[in-house]
Amino acid sequence: MPFNLTDTWNAISLRTKVTGVTVLLLTIGLLVSGIGTMAMLKPALIGQLDTQLKAVEQDLSRVLQLSKTGTTQQTAPTDYYYAVYSASGILLEQNWSDKPAASRPDLPNGITVAQAGTLEGAIFPIKSENNRTLFHAIAVPVTFDDSTGTLGTVVVALSTASVDRLMTTYLSIFLGLGIAIVIVGALLTRFLVTTTFAPLRQVEETAVAIADGNLSLRLPASAPTNTEVGRLNRSLNIMLARIDRAFADRARTIDQMQRFVGDASHELRTPLVSVRGYAELYRMGALQTPEDVAQAMDRIEKEAIRMGALVEDLLELARMDESRPLEISTFDLLTVAQDAALDAGAFDPERTITVSGDSVEIQAEENKIRQVVTNLMGNALRFTPVGSPLELVVSHNDGAKNATISIVDHGEGIPKQLREKIFERFYRADNSRARETGGSGLGLAIVASIVRAHGGDIKVTATKGGGATFSVSLPLVHTPTEI
């Protein structure tokens, strides 16, 4: 398999990458600084050496005292090498006579006065006789005897060995400190990266557990929220909470759907069985008299009407589930209550139905709100004793910016533990399939869906003295909401 640099780089862990890159940058920085320092330090030291030689050129007495015969007397430290030459370049005298000749500067042909004049005080390099040591030298023309005009040349040299030793010492110290700094930097970087990425290990372990199906796990909130890991943990916890809620909602929706399908199939099957049974009796000739046939047709018609009403309720709920936009208009809620009271009075003239409250205008879909009030009134007429009074109360709360319409009955009431469940589809307080009341179990579910679509709220409370009070709260100004 051919080597692939990208694959190899991607296979390295993030901790190793960060540590390696940090050590590499630290090493490069140290090398650049060390090389740069050496590149500037050595010329500076050589410059100091040359400055000392220039000072000697200006005043030879710093190094030696010349006599009229050309003999000398050393006045400077032995670090200075000097040699005295005649005008023709013959060596007259030199110091370092006690040192090996191979370690002294090598001037085999000497240096004449003419040569010294051409140098004009310039500093020139000289190697030792063994070629191991480099010297910087300067040639100075001198007059031994002013009366006779005897001329000569003095060569003064300084070895660069001291500079080389200093650079070697610097290099040794730099390399030692550099290696120590790189090692300590690598260890500290590894430690910091490991401790910093430790929460990511928890993220990884949590993700694996969640992938295995444990959606209840959450990342610890120990990391500060102003750090990248803290923000990551917070974001992941929010995401996990939403996923958990989504799965819970999905499970609840599936359960409701399964229950809804079962209830709907049962509700539709009951009238269909009745219709089919009467049809079978008619086909078999069991209905002999016109009275029997008329009774059978009447039952078939009633079951068909009930089945049609059930289908209409199911379609209404399906339309509500589609979240279609509402046709908003402004109308008086008190007028809706009065119209519902008139309709209920026409249906049951023996009832005493009263309407109270103030006129209040709301923004909503009028037909839907009328359907809500009609369903609640029908529910009250169906489940309360004949002749018991009904009350419709309209009120509004300017502070909360909502209006409330309440349907108050004086029947048996609804137990507290059942008040939330009655708005579920196909739910009945008696939990039976009896049809004495003629309901389908969908009326209150439709009411709750319409109210939610308008951003409102519906609740059931006990009526003082017995009975149930259905209170529907709606915002005065409509704001679009999702069901």
Protein backbone atom coordinates (compact mmCIF):
# COMPACT_ATOMS: atom_id res chain seq x y z
CA MET A 1 0.00 0.00 0.00
CA PRO A 2 1.48 3.42 -0.95
CA PHE A 3 2.24 5.87 1.82
CA ASN A 4 -0.47 8.51 2.22
CA LEU A 5 0.55 11.51 4.32
CA THR A 6 -3.02 12.74 4.75
CA ASP A 7 -4.27 9.38 6.03
CA THR A 8 -1.30 9.10 8.38
CA TRP A 9 -1.89 12.60 9.75
CA ASN A 10 -5.61 11.97 10.21
CA ALA A 11 -4.84 8.73 12.08
CA ILE A 12 -2.89 10.60 14.77
CA SER A 13 -4.84 11.59 17.89
CA LEU A 14 -5.61 15.24 18.52
CA ARG A 15 -3.59 15.25 21.75
CA THR A 16 -0.53 13.94 19.94
CA LYS A 17 -1.00 16.48 17.15
CA VAL A 18 -1.23 19.41 19.55
CA THR A 19 1.75 18.20 21.59
CA GLY A 20 3.87 17.50 18.51
CA VAL A 21 3.09 20.83 16.84
CA THR A 22 3.77 22.73 20.07
CA VAL A 23 7.13 20.99 20.58
CA LEU A 24 8.03 21.56 16.92
CA LEU A 25 7.23 25.27 17.12
CA LEU A 26 9.12 25.58 20.42
CA THR A 27 12.16 23.84 18.93
CA ILE A 28 12.11 25.98 15.78
CA GLY A 29 11.77 29.13 17.90
CA LEU A 30 14.72 28.15 20.08
CA LEU A 31 16.87 27.27 17.06
CA VAL A 32 16.06 30.51 15.30
CA SER A 33 16.76 32.56 18.42
CA GLY A 34 19.99 30.65 19.13
CA ILE A 35 21.33 30.87 15.58
CA GLY A 36 20.35 34.52 15.38
CA THR A 37 22.05 35.27 18.68
CA MET A 38 25.23 33.48 17.59
CA ALA A 39 25.16 35.25 14.23
CA MET A 40 25.08 38.63 16.01
CA LEU A 41 27.22 37.78 19.04
CA LYS A 42 30.37 36.55 17.27
CA PRO A 43 30.75 39.64 15.01
CA ALA A 44 30.21 41.82 18.09
CA LEU A 45 32.99 40.03 19.98
CA ILE A 46 35.29 40.18 16.97
CA GLY A 47 34.48 43.88 16.74
CA GLN A 48 35.56 44.37 20.34
CA LEU A 49 38.81 42.55 19.51
CA ASP A 50 39.44 44.81 16.54
CA THR A 51 38.65 47.87 18.66
CA GLN A 52 41.42 46.88 21.05
CA LEU A 53 43.85 46.57 18.12
CA LYS A 54 42.81 49.99 16.82
CA ALA A 55 43.54 51.44 20.24
CA VAL A 56 47.01 49.85 20.12
CA GLU A 57 47.59 51.44 16.69
CA GLN A 58 46.94 54.85 18.23
CA ASP A 59 49.21 54.24 21.21
CA LEU A 60 51.80 51.45 21.02
CA SER A 61 52.76 52.14 24.59
CA ARG A 62 49.72 50.13 25.55
CA VAL A 63 51.67 47.06 24.44
CA LEU A 64 55.42 47.83 24.34
CA GLN A 65 58.14 50.45 24.65
CA LEU A 66 60.56 50.83 21.70
CA SER A 67 64.22 51.78 22.06
CA LYS A 68 66.42 53.51 19.49
CA THR A 69 67.94 50.18 18.51
CA GLY A 70 64.61 48.55 17.94
CA THR A 71 64.60 46.55 21.15
CA THR A 72 61.34 46.45 23.08
CA GLN A 73 59.98 46.20 26.56
CA GLN A 74 56.53 44.58 26.95
CA THR A 75 53.98 46.68 28.86
CA ALA A 76 50.75 44.75 28.12
CA PRO A 77 49.37 41.34 29.12
CA THR A 78 50.71 38.37 27.25
CA ASP A 79 47.38 38.02 25.35
CA TYR A 80 48.90 40.49 22.91
CA TYR A 81 51.45 39.12 20.45
CA TYR A 82 53.85 41.60 18.89
CA ALA A 83 56.76 41.37 16.48
CA VAL A 84 59.20 44.12 15.48
CA TYR A 85 60.50 44.14 11.92
CA SER A 86 63.10 46.25 10.22
CA ALA A 87 62.26 48.42 7.25
CA SER A 88 63.14 45.53 4.94
CA GLY A 89 60.97 43.04 6.85
CA ILE A 90 63.63 41.29 8.92
CA LEU A 91 62.33 40.07 12.28
CA LEU A 92 64.14 41.92 15.04
CA GLU A 93 62.24 40.82 18.10
CA GLN A 94 58.97 39.16 19.23
CA ASN A 95 57.33 38.10 22.46
CA TRP A 96 55.84 34.68 23.23
CA SER A 97 59.37 33.28 22.97
CA ASP A 98 58.40 30.86 25.71
CA LYS A 99 55.52 29.43 23.65
CA PRO A 100 55.83 26.84 20.92
CA ALA A 101 56.57 28.36 17.54
CA ALA A 102 53.64 26.49 16.03
CA SER A 103 51.18 28.43 18.20
CA ARG A 104 52.52 31.86 17.19
CA PRO A 105 51.25 33.89 14.23
CA ASP A 106 52.87 32.80 10.98
CA LEU A 107 54.60 35.63 9.09
CA PRO A 108 57.41 33.77 7.29
CA ASN A 109 58.32 36.65 4.96
CA GLY A 110 57.96 39.37 7.58
CA ILE A 111 56.39 42.68 6.72
CA THR A 112 58.14 45.71 5.34
CA VAL A 113 57.46 49.37 6.02
CA ALA A 114 56.10 49.71 2.51
CA GLN A 115 53.67 46.85 3.07
CA ALA A 116 52.57 48.34 6.38
CA GLY A 117 51.97 51.65 4.61
CA THR A 118 49.70 50.05 2.03
CA LEU A 119 47.63 48.43 4.79
CA GLU A 120 46.92 51.94 6.22
CA GLY A 121 46.13 50.57 9.63
CA ALA A 122 43.76 47.89 8.34
CA ILE A 123 43.24 44.78 10.44
CA PHE A 124 44.15 41.54 8.67
CA PRO A 125 43.88 37.87 9.68
CA ILE A 126 46.82 35.63 10.36
CA LYS A 127 46.81 31.93 11.11
CA SER A 128 49.15 30.18 13.47
CA GLU A 129 51.93 28.02 12.09
CA ASN A 130 49.90 24.90 12.89
CA ASN A 131 46.79 26.44 11.27
CA ARG A 132 44.75 25.86 14.45
CA THR A 133 44.46 29.40 15.69
CA LEU A 134 43.30 32.53 13.90
CA PHE A 135 44.71 35.95 14.82
CA HIS A 136 43.59 39.44 13.96
CA ALA A 137 46.63 41.67 13.48
CA ILE A 138 47.53 45.26 12.68
CA ALA A 139 50.81 46.59 11.25
CA VAL A 140 52.06 49.95 12.53
CA PRO A 141 55.04 51.75 10.86
CA VAL A 142 57.41 53.19 13.53
CA THR A 143 60.62 55.25 13.73
CA PHE A 144 63.30 53.76 15.93
CA ASP A 145 65.68 56.77 15.85
CA ASP A 146 64.51 60.23 14.92
CA SER A 147 68.10 61.47 14.37
CA THR A 148 68.98 58.83 11.81
CA GLY A 149 65.45 58.24 10.50
CA THR A 150 65.59 54.49 11.12
CA LEU A 151 62.25 52.97 10.24
CA GLY A 152 60.57 49.71 11.10
CA THR A 153 57.27 47.96 11.56
CA VAL A 154 55.51 46.61 14.61
CA VAL A 155 52.84 43.89 14.13
CA VAL A 156 50.42 43.47 17.03
CA ALA A 157 47.98 40.50 17.03
CA LEU A 158 45.22 39.13 19.23
CA SER A 159 44.02 35.56 19.07
CA THR A 160 40.32 34.85 18.32
CA ALA A 161 40.54 31.75 20.51
CA SER A 162 38.89 33.61 23.38
CA VAL A 163 35.97 34.44 21.13
CA ASP A 164 35.76 30.84 19.98
CA ARG A 165 35.84 29.62 23.59
CA LEU A 166 33.07 32.04 24.54
CA MET A 167 30.94 30.95 21.57
CA THR A 168 31.52 27.30 22.47
CA THR A 169 30.48 27.97 26.07
CA TYR A 170 27.40 29.85 24.88
CA LEU A 171 26.49 27.05 22.48
CA SER A 172 26.83 24.42 25.22
CA ILE A 173 24.68 26.41 27.63
CA PHE A 174 22.12 27.14 24.92
CA LEU A 175 21.88 23.52 23.81
CA GLY A 176 21.49 22.33 27.40
CA LEU A 177 18.83 24.87 28.25
CA GLY A 178 17.13 24.41 24.88
CA ILE A 179 16.83 20.64 25.33
CA ALA A 180 15.56 21.12 28.87
CA ILE A 181 13.03 23.72 27.71
CA VAL A 182 11.80 21.46 24.89
CA ILE A 183 11.40 18.48 27.25
CA VAL A 184 9.62 20.53 29.93
CA GLY A 185 7.46 22.19 27.25
CA ALA A 186 6.50 18.80 25.80
CA LEU A 187 5.56 17.44 29.24
CA LEU A 188 3.57 20.56 30.19
CA THR A 189 1.81 20.62 26.81
CA ARG A 190 0.92 16.95 27.10
CA PHE A 191 -0.39 17.47 30.63
CA LEU A 192 -2.42 20.56 29.72
CA VAL A 193 -3.83 18.94 26.56
CA THR A 194 -4.73 15.78 28.45
CA THR A 195 -6.49 17.66 31.26
CA THR A 196 -8.19 20.03 28.82
CA PHE A 197 -9.46 17.21 26.60
CA ALA A 198 -10.54 15.05 29.54
CA PRO A 199 -14.15 16.36 29.28
CA LEU A 200 -14.13 15.36 25.60
CA ARG A 201 -13.53 11.80 26.74
CA GLN A 202 -16.71 12.11 28.79
CA VAL A 203 -18.47 13.44 25.71
CA GLU A 204 -17.27 10.42 23.76
CA GLU A 205 -18.37 7.96 26.45
CA THR A 206 -21.75 9.69 26.78
CA ALA A 207 -22.24 9.61 23.01
CA VAL A 208 -21.49 5.89 22.94
CA ALA A 209 -23.99 5.25 25.75
CA ILE A 210 -26.63 7.34 23.99
CA ALA A 211 -25.96 5.47 20.76
CA ASP A 212 -26.69 2.28 22.71
CA GLY A 213 -30.11 3.68 23.56
CA ASN A 214 -29.66 5.42 26.93
CA LEU A 215 -31.16 8.81 26.05
CA SER A 216 -31.42 9.90 29.69
CA LEU A 217 -27.67 10.53 30.05
CA ARG A 218 -26.40 14.10 30.16
CA LEU A 219 -22.93 15.62 30.09
CA PRO A 220 -21.62 17.02 33.40
CA ALA A 221 -21.92 20.76 33.85
CA SER A 222 -18.62 20.98 35.76
CA ALA A 223 -16.76 22.76 32.95
CA PRO A 224 -17.07 26.59 33.02
CA THR A 225 -19.55 27.87 30.46
CA ASN A 226 -17.06 30.45 29.17
CA THR A 227 -14.78 27.70 27.82
CA GLU A 228 -15.13 25.79 24.55
CA VAL A 229 -15.74 22.50 26.38
CA GLY A 230 -18.32 24.11 28.68
CA ARG A 231 -20.22 25.59 25.74
CA LEU A 232 -20.00 22.26 23.92
CA ASN A 233 -21.41 20.40 26.93
CA ARG A 234 -24.24 22.90 27.29
CA SER A 235 -25.11 22.73 23.57
CA LEU A 236 -24.99 18.94 23.57
CA ASN A 237 -27.19 18.75 26.69
CA ILE A 238 -29.74 21.03 25.02
CA MET A 239 -29.63 18.90 21.89
CA LEU A 240 -29.96 15.68 23.90
CA ALA A 241 -32.91 17.11 25.83
CA ARG A 242 -34.64 17.98 22.58
CA ILE A 243 -33.89 14.55 21.13
CA ASP A 244 -35.20 12.94 24.31
CA ARG A 245 -38.37 15.01 24.12
CA ALA A 246 -38.71 14.22 20.42
CA PHE A 247 -38.46 10.48 21.10
CA ALA A 248 -40.90 10.79 24.00
CA ASP A 249 -43.30 12.77 21.81
CA ARG A 250 -42.87 10.22 19.05
CA ALA A 251 -43.60 7.35 21.42
CA ARG A 252 -46.58 9.21 22.82
CA THR A 253 -47.83 10.03 19.32
CA ILE A 254 -47.47 6.42 18.22
CA ASP A 255 -49.34 5.28 21.32
CA GLN A 256 -52.08 7.85 20.73
CA MET A 257 -52.27 6.90 17.08
CA GLN A 258 -52.56 3.23 17.87
CA ARG A 259 -55.24 3.95 20.46
CA PHE A 260 -56.95 6.36 18.06
CA VAL A 261 -56.97 3.80 15.25
CA GLY A 262 -58.32 1.14 17.59
CA ASP A 263 -61.03 3.42 18.97
CA ALA A 264 -61.94 4.77 15.54
CA SER A 265 -62.20 1.28 14.07
CA HIS A 266 -64.38 0.20 16.99
CA GLU A 267 -66.58 3.29 16.73
CA LEU A 268 -67.05 2.79 12.99
CA ARG A 269 -67.51 -0.95 13.28
CA THR A 270 -70.43 -0.66 15.72
CA PRO A 271 -72.83 1.18 13.34
CA LEU A 272 -71.60 -0.86 10.40
CA VAL A 273 -72.43 -4.09 12.23
CA SER A 274 -75.92 -2.77 12.99
CA VAL A 275 -76.50 -1.72 9.36
CA ARG A 276 -75.21 -5.05 8.09
CA GLY A 277 -77.33 -6.99 10.59
CA TYR A 278 -80.57 -5.27 9.56
CA ALA A 279 -79.63 -5.71 5.90
CA GLU A 280 -79.07 -9.46 6.48
CA LEU A 281 -82.43 -9.74 8.24
CA TYR A 282 -84.14 -8.02 5.31
CA ARG A 283 -82.35 -10.19 2.75
CA MET A 284 -83.24 -13.39 4.62
CA GLY A 285 -86.90 -12.37 4.79
CA ALA A 286 -86.97 -12.14 8.56
CA LEU A 287 -88.71 -8.76 8.38
CA GLN A 288 -92.25 -9.85 7.47
CA THR A 289 -94.41 -6.91 8.39
CA PRO A 290 -94.18 -3.28 7.21
CA GLU A 291 -93.70 -2.25 10.82
CA ASP A 292 -90.59 -4.46 11.12
CA VAL A 293 -89.19 -3.08 7.87
CA ALA A 294 -89.88 0.52 8.97
CA GLN A 295 -88.20 -0.10 12.30
CA ALA A 296 -85.16 -1.64 10.59
CA MET A 297 -84.89 1.27 8.16
CA ASP A 298 -85.15 3.72 11.03
CA ARG A 299 -82.31 2.01 12.88
CA ILE A 300 -80.20 1.87 9.70
CA GLU A 301 -80.78 5.59 9.16
CA LYS A 302 -79.85 6.49 12.73
CA GLU A 303 -76.68 4.39 12.64
CA ALA A 304 -75.74 5.93 9.29
CA ILE A 305 -76.29 9.42 10.71
CA ARG A 306 -74.17 8.58 13.76
CA MET A 307 -71.46 7.09 11.55
CA GLY A 308 -71.56 10.18 9.31
CA ALA A 309 -71.20 12.44 12.37
CA LEU A 310 -68.26 10.36 13.56
CA VAL A 311 -66.57 10.62 10.16
CA GLU A 312 -67.14 14.39 10.15
CA ASP A 313 -65.56 14.65 13.59
CA LEU A 314 -62.56 12.59 12.42
CA LEU A 315 -62.16 14.80 9.36
CA GLU A 316 -62.38 17.89 11.54
CA LEU A 317 -59.60 16.57 13.79
CA ALA A 318 -57.51 15.68 10.73
CA ARG A 319 -57.89 19.21 9.41
CA MET A 320 -56.88 20.61 12.80
CA ASP A 321 -53.81 18.37 12.79
CA GLU A 322 -52.77 19.83 9.43
CA SER A 323 -52.32 23.24 11.13
CA ARG A 324 -54.10 25.13 8.39
CA PRO A 325 -54.00 28.93 8.71
CA LEU A 326 -56.96 30.39 10.58
CA GLU A 327 -59.27 32.92 8.94
CA ILE A 328 -58.96 35.65 11.54
CA SER A 329 -61.63 38.31 12.03
CA THR A 330 -62.75 40.60 14.85
CA PHE A 331 -66.08 39.82 16.53
CA ASP A 332 -67.93 40.12 19.83
CA LEU A 333 -67.58 37.08 22.08
CA LEU A 334 -70.76 38.03 23.98
CA THR A 335 -72.73 37.80 20.73
CA VAL A 336 -71.41 34.28 20.17
CA ALA A 337 -72.53 33.31 23.68
CA GLN A 338 -76.02 34.78 23.12
CA ASP A 339 -76.44 32.95 19.79
CA ALA A 340 -75.37 29.66 21.40
CA ALA A 341 -77.90 30.21 24.18
CA LEU A 342 -80.68 30.80 21.64
CA ASP A 343 -79.76 27.63 19.71
CA ALA A 344 -79.67 25.55 22.89
CA GLY A 345 -83.00 26.99 24.00
CA ALA A 346 -84.56 26.00 20.68
CA PHE A 347 -83.19 22.48 21.10
CA ASP A 348 -84.31 22.14 24.74
CA PRO A 349 -87.04 24.67 25.54
CA GLU A 350 -87.39 23.36 29.11
CA ARG A 351 -83.90 24.56 30.05
CA THR A 352 -83.19 27.84 31.73
CA ILE A 353 -80.17 29.27 29.90
CA THR A 354 -78.75 32.63 30.95
CA VAL A 355 -75.99 34.77 29.45
CA SER A 356 -74.03 37.30 31.51
CA GLY A 357 -70.90 39.37 31.10
CA ASP A 358 -69.56 42.31 29.17
CA SER A 359 -69.23 42.83 25.46
CA VAL A 360 -65.63 42.07 24.44
CA GLU A 361 -64.11 41.89 20.97
CA ILE A 362 -61.46 39.31 20.12
CA GLN A 363 -59.46 38.35 17.04
CA ALA A 364 -60.08 34.73 16.05
CA GLU A 365 -61.81 32.57 13.44
CA GLU A 366 -65.44 33.15 14.33
CA ASN A 367 -66.79 29.87 12.94
CA LYS A 368 -64.26 27.87 14.97
CA ILE A 369 -65.07 29.70 18.19
CA ARG A 370 -68.80 29.18 17.56
CA GLN A 371 -68.06 25.48 17.08
CA VAL A 372 -66.23 25.41 20.42
CA VAL A 373 -69.17 27.01 22.26
CA THR A 374 -71.70 24.82 20.43
CA ASN A 375 -69.83 21.61 21.30
CA LEU A 376 -69.51 22.61 24.96
CA MET A 377 -73.21 23.53 25.11
CA GLY A 378 -74.16 20.25 23.44
CA ASN A 379 -72.00 18.38 25.89
CA ALA A 380 -73.70 20.17 28.81
CA LEU A 381 -77.19 19.44 27.44
CA ARG A 382 -76.32 15.80 26.95
CA PHE A 383 -74.74 15.04 30.31
CA THR A 384 -76.88 17.07 32.73
CA PRO A 385 -80.35 16.30 34.09
CA VAL A 386 -83.30 17.54 32.06
CA GLY A 387 -84.45 20.93 33.24
CA SER A 388 -81.22 21.86 35.08
CA PRO A 389 -80.07 25.41 34.31
CA LEU A 390 -77.10 26.39 32.16
CA GLU A 391 -75.13 29.61 32.33
CA LEU A 392 -72.79 31.32 29.86
CA VAL A 393 -70.44 33.90 31.38
CA VAL A 394 -68.21 36.20 29.29
CA SER A 395 -65.36 38.14 30.94
CA HIS A 396 -62.04 39.69 29.99
CA ASN A 397 -58.73 40.51 31.66
CA ASP A 398 -57.04 43.61 30.24
CA GLY A 399 -53.85 42.88 32.18
CA ALA A 400 -53.49 39.38 30.76
CA LYS A 401 -54.97 40.55 27.43
CA ASN A 402 -57.39 37.66 27.14
CA ALA A 403 -61.09 36.96 27.21
CA THR A 404 -62.90 34.03 28.83
CA ILE A 405 -66.19 32.35 28.06
CA SER A 406 -67.44 29.86 30.65
CA ILE A 407 -70.21 27.24 30.27
CA VAL A 408 -71.56 26.45 33.72
CA ASP A 409 -73.78 23.42 34.32
CA HIS A 410 -75.31 21.95 37.47
CA GLY A 411 -75.10 18.24 36.77
CA GLU A 412 -73.08 15.49 38.39
CA GLY A 413 -69.76 17.15 37.62
CA ILE A 414 -66.47 15.56 36.57
CA PRO A 415 -64.07 13.93 39.05
CA LYS A 416 -60.82 15.85 39.47
CA GLN A 417 -58.65 12.96 38.30
CA LEU A 418 -60.55 12.80 34.99
CA ARG A 419 -60.61 16.50 34.09
CA GLU A 420 -57.43 16.39 31.98
CA LYS A 421 -58.27 13.11 30.25
CA ILE A 422 -61.69 14.16 28.93
CA PHE A 423 -60.00 16.17 26.19
CA GLU A 424 -58.35 13.06 24.77
CA ARG A 425 -59.82 11.52 21.67
CA PHE A 426 -62.53 8.88 22.25
CA TYR A 427 -62.25 9.25 26.01
CA ARG A 428 -65.39 8.97 28.16
CA ALA A 429 -65.66 9.60 31.85
CA ASP A 430 -67.52 6.33 32.40
CA ASN A 431 -64.96 4.49 30.21
CA SER A 432 -67.78 2.54 28.51
CA ARG A 433 -69.04 2.02 24.97
CA ALA A 434 -72.64 2.81 25.81
CA ARG A 435 -74.45 5.09 23.45
CA GLU A 436 -77.17 6.42 25.68
CA THR A 437 -75.73 9.90 25.40
CA GLY A 438 -75.15 9.66 21.68
CA GLY A 439 -71.61 11.09 21.84
CA SER A 440 -68.63 9.95 19.79
CA GLY A 441 -65.92 10.91 22.27
CA LEU A 442 -64.42 13.45 19.88
CA GLY A 443 -66.29 16.65 20.72
CA LEU A 444 -64.03 17.81 23.55
CA ALA A 445 -60.90 16.75 21.60
CA ILE A 446 -62.04 19.02 18.75
CA VAL A 447 -62.69 21.83 21.23
CA ALA A 448 -59.19 21.47 22.73
CA SER A 449 -57.55 21.44 19.27
CA ILE A 450 -59.36 24.62 18.19
CA VAL A 451 -58.49 26.42 21.41
CA ARG A 452 -54.81 25.44 21.12
CA ALA A 453 -54.75 26.61 17.51
CA HIS A 454 -55.84 30.05 18.73
CA GLY A 455 -53.15 30.13 21.43
CA GLY A 456 -55.77 29.77 24.16
CA ASP A 457 -56.43 27.50 27.07
CA ILE A 458 -59.34 25.36 28.27
CA LYS A 459 -59.90 23.94 31.73
CA VAL A 460 -62.60 22.29 33.78
CA THR A 461 -63.45 23.23 37.35
CA ALA A 462 -66.19 22.18 39.75
CA THR A 463 -69.32 24.33 39.84
CA LYS A 464 -70.25 25.61 43.26
CA GLY A 465 -73.17 23.47 44.45
CA GLY A 466 -72.38 20.65 41.99
CA GLY A 467 -71.68 20.44 38.27
CA ALA A 468 -68.85 21.33 35.91
CA THR A 469 -67.63 24.65 34.52
CA PHE A 470 -65.76 24.67 31.20
CA SER A 471 -63.70 27.86 30.84
CA VAL A 472 -62.16 28.82 27.51
CA SER A 473 -59.54 31.62 27.58
CA LEU A 474 -58.61 33.27 24.28
CA PRO A 475 -56.16 36.09 23.54
CA LEU A 476 -57.74 39.40 22.58
CA VAL A 477 -55.23 39.82 19.75
CA HIS A 478 -54.41 36.76 17.68
CA THR A 479 -50.79 35.67 17.23
CA PRO A 480 -50.16 32.65 14.98
CA THR A 481 -49.25 29.49 16.88
CA GLU A 482 -48.67 25.89 15.95
CA ILE A 483 -50.84 23.10 17.22
